[in-house]
């Protein structure tokens, strides 16, 4: 049986939800890739490097899971979804209400 690779996308303000989803998928035997979140101030080059690395994680994935809390999907996430669509990746949404996270 082939191991599935999933890349998580979503807003960094919901980092705790990323941890929940990562653990749930990992328990199912899924390899989970997610964005690198940083609380430090990043230079424009560092920020661009993180964004490019995340797109490469989408390239590696069999599927993209978009974390959608209370209907919020930001502009950067919309760009990632568009990128994933152009790469013919399956896209799934993990939706939770504001109270659930």
C-alpha atoms as a PDB file:
ATOM      1  CA  UNK A   1       0.000   0.000   0.000  1.00  0.00           C
ATOM      2  CA  UNK A   2       1.369   3.398  -1.016  1.00  0.00           C
ATOM      3  CA  UNK A   3       1.759   6.026   1.657  1.00  0.00           C
ATOM      4  CA  UNK A   4      -0.189   9.212   0.998  1.00  0.00           C
ATOM      5  CA  UNK A   5       1.452  12.621   1.356  1.00  0.00           C
ATOM      6  CA  UNK A   6      -0.712  15.589   2.328  1.00  0.00           C
ATOM      7  CA  UNK A   7       0.266  19.246   2.475  1.00  0.00           C
ATOM      8  CA  UNK A   8      -1.685  21.486   4.841  1.00  0.00           C
ATOM      9  CA  UNK A   9      -2.535  25.049   3.845  1.00  0.00           C
ATOM     10  CA  UNK A  10      -4.221  27.765   5.861  1.00  0.00           C
ATOM     11  CA  UNK A  11      -3.752  30.855   7.959  1.00  0.00           C
ATOM     12  CA  UNK A  12      -0.920  30.931  10.475  1.00  0.00           C
ATOM     13  CA  UNK A  13      -3.324  32.384  13.038  1.00  0.00           C
ATOM     14  CA  UNK A  14      -4.807  28.886  13.281  1.00  0.00           C
ATOM     15  CA  UNK A  15      -1.518  27.098  13.953  1.00  0.00           C
ATOM     16  CA  UNK A  16      -3.132  25.070  16.751  1.00  0.00           C
ATOM     17  CA  UNK A  17      -5.602  23.591  14.246  1.00  0.00           C
ATOM     18  CA  UNK A  18      -2.657  22.561  12.037  1.00  0.00           C
ATOM     19  CA  UNK A  19      -1.295  20.525  14.958  1.00  0.00           C
ATOM     20  CA  UNK A  20      -4.650  18.793  15.474  1.00  0.00           C
ATOM     21  CA  UNK A  21      -5.028  17.931  11.791  1.00  0.00           C
ATOM     22  CA  UNK A  22      -1.398  16.814  11.503  1.00  0.00           C
ATOM     23  CA  UNK A  23      -1.774  14.400  14.413  1.00  0.00           C
ATOM     24  CA  UNK A  24      -5.099  12.999  13.148  1.00  0.00           C
ATOM     25  CA  UNK A  25      -3.690  12.367   9.659  1.00  0.00           C
ATOM     26  CA  UNK A  26      -0.408  10.970  10.976  1.00  0.00           C
ATOM     27  CA  UNK A  27      -2.344   8.445  13.077  1.00  0.00           C
ATOM     28  CA  UNK A  28      -3.875   7.252   9.804  1.00  0.00           C
ATOM     29  CA  UNK A  29      -0.404   6.666   8.322  1.00  0.00           C
ATOM     30  CA  UNK A  30      -0.346   9.832   6.220  1.00  0.00           C
ATOM     31  CA  UNK A  31       2.837  11.848   5.757  1.00  0.00           C
ATOM     32  CA  UNK A  32       1.933  15.449   6.566  1.00  0.00           C
ATOM     33  CA  UNK A  33       3.764  18.514   5.248  1.00  0.00           C
ATOM     34  CA  UNK A  34       2.848  21.948   6.539  1.00  0.00           C
ATOM     35  CA  UNK A  35       4.041  25.522   6.300  1.00  0.00           C
ATOM     36  CA  UNK A  36       6.806  26.741   8.569  1.00  0.00           C
ATOM     37  CA  UNK A  37       5.407  29.339  10.944  1.00  0.00           C
ATOM     38  CA  UNK A  38       7.661  31.910  12.588  1.00  0.00           C
ATOM     39  CA  UNK A  39       6.970  34.515  15.248  1.00  0.00           C
ATOM     40  CA  UNK A  40      10.163  36.372  14.379  1.00  0.00           C
ATOM     41  CA  UNK A  41      10.315  39.221  11.886  1.00  0.00           C
ATOM     42  CA  UNK A  42      11.499  37.823   8.571  1.00  0.00           C
ATOM     43  CA  UNK A  43      13.422  39.556   5.834  1.00  0.00           C
ATOM     44  CA  UNK A  44      11.762  39.719   2.421  1.00  0.00           C
ATOM     45  CA  UNK A  45      14.167  37.049   1.172  1.00  0.00           C
ATOM     46  CA  UNK A  46      13.403  34.738   4.101  1.00  0.00           C
ATOM     47  CA  UNK A  47       9.687  35.225   3.553  1.00  0.00           C
ATOM     48  CA  UNK A  48      10.030  34.462  -0.146  1.00  0.00           C
ATOM     49  CA  UNK A  49      12.093  31.350   0.667  1.00  0.00           C
ATOM     50  CA  UNK A  50       9.370  30.087   3.030  1.00  0.00           C
ATOM     51  CA  UNK A  51       6.692  30.689   0.396  1.00  0.00           C
ATOM     52  CA  UNK A  52       8.679  28.895  -2.297  1.00  0.00           C
ATOM     53  CA  UNK A  53       9.401  25.990   0.030  1.00  0.00           C
ATOM     54  CA  UNK A  54       5.700  25.667   0.785  1.00  0.00           C
ATOM     55  CA  UNK A  55       4.892  25.520  -2.941  1.00  0.00           C
ATOM     56  CA  UNK A  56       7.434  22.707  -3.265  1.00  0.00           C
ATOM     57  CA  UNK A  57       5.622  20.893  -0.442  1.00  0.00           C
ATOM     58  CA  UNK A  58       2.444  21.199  -2.510  1.00  0.00           C
ATOM     59  CA  UNK A  59       4.358  19.704  -5.460  1.00  0.00           C
ATOM     60  CA  UNK A  60       5.344  16.705  -3.322  1.00  0.00           C
ATOM     61  CA  UNK A  61       1.814  16.104  -2.050  1.00  0.00           C
ATOM     62  CA  UNK A  62      -0.810  13.721  -3.337  1.00  0.00           C
ATOM     63  CA  UNK A  63      -3.434  15.956  -1.774  1.00  0.00           C
ATOM     64  CA  UNK A  64      -3.766  19.420  -0.265  1.00  0.00           C
ATOM     65  CA  UNK A  65      -5.886  19.957   2.842  1.00  0.00           C
ATOM     66  CA  UNK A  66      -6.992  23.551   3.361  1.00  0.00           C
ATOM     67  CA  UNK A  67      -7.680  24.436   6.979  1.00  0.00           C
ATOM     68  CA  UNK A  68     -10.757  26.620   6.962  1.00  0.00           C
ATOM     69  CA  UNK A  69     -11.724  28.085  10.347  1.00  0.00           C
ATOM     70  CA  UNK A  70     -15.071  29.887  10.369  1.00  0.00           C
ATOM     71  CA  UNK A  71     -14.943  30.291   6.591  1.00  0.00           C
ATOM     72  CA  UNK A  72     -11.654  32.206   6.599  1.00  0.00           C
ATOM     73  CA  UNK A  73      -9.336  31.609   3.656  1.00  0.00           C
ATOM     74  CA  UNK A  74      -6.838  34.427   3.154  1.00  0.00           C
ATOM     75  CA  UNK A  75      -5.393  35.773  -0.066  1.00  0.00           C
ATOM     76  CA  UNK A  76      -2.109  33.844   0.283  1.00  0.00           C
ATOM     77  CA  UNK A  77      -4.110  30.642   0.825  1.00  0.00           C
ATOM     78  CA  UNK A  78      -6.210  31.368  -2.266  1.00  0.00           C
ATOM     79  CA  UNK A  79      -2.968  31.650  -4.223  1.00  0.00           C
ATOM     80  CA  UNK A  80      -1.804  28.301  -2.823  1.00  0.00           C
ATOM     81  CA  UNK A  81      -5.132  26.692  -3.760  1.00  0.00           C
ATOM     82  CA  UNK A  82      -4.810  28.068  -7.281  1.00  0.00           C
ATOM     83  CA  UNK A  83      -1.260  26.725  -7.486  1.00  0.00           C
ATOM     84  CA  UNK A  84      -2.405  23.298  -6.280  1.00  0.00           C
ATOM     85  CA  UNK A  85      -5.204  23.280  -8.866  1.00  0.00           C
ATOM     86  CA  UNK A  86      -2.744  24.093 -11.646  1.00  0.00           C
ATOM     87  CA  UNK A  87      -0.624  21.154 -10.415  1.00  0.00           C
ATOM     88  CA  UNK A  88      -3.733  18.919 -10.588  1.00  0.00           C
ATOM     89  CA  UNK A  89      -3.659  18.182  -6.866  1.00  0.00           C
ATOM     90  CA  UNK A  90      -6.742  16.912  -5.082  1.00  0.00           C
ATOM     91  CA  UNK A  91      -7.949  19.609  -2.690  1.00  0.00           C
ATOM     92  CA  UNK A  92      -9.922  18.925   0.457  1.00  0.00           C
ATOM     93  CA  UNK A  93     -11.173  21.378   3.060  1.00  0.00           C
ATOM     94  CA  UNK A  94     -10.985  20.830   6.804  1.00  0.00           C
ATOM     95  CA  UNK A  95     -13.655  23.162   8.124  1.00  0.00           C
ATOM     96  CA  UNK A  96     -14.176  24.033  11.775  1.00  0.00           C
ATOM     97  CA  UNK A  97     -16.177  26.734  13.492  1.00  0.00           C
ATOM     98  CA  UNK A  98     -14.525  29.476  15.500  1.00  0.00           C
ATOM     99  CA  UNK A  99     -15.593  27.717  18.719  1.00  0.00           C
ATOM    100  CA  UNK A 100     -14.037  24.368  17.751  1.00  0.00           C
ATOM    101  CA  UNK A 101     -10.425  25.461  17.496  1.00  0.00           C
END
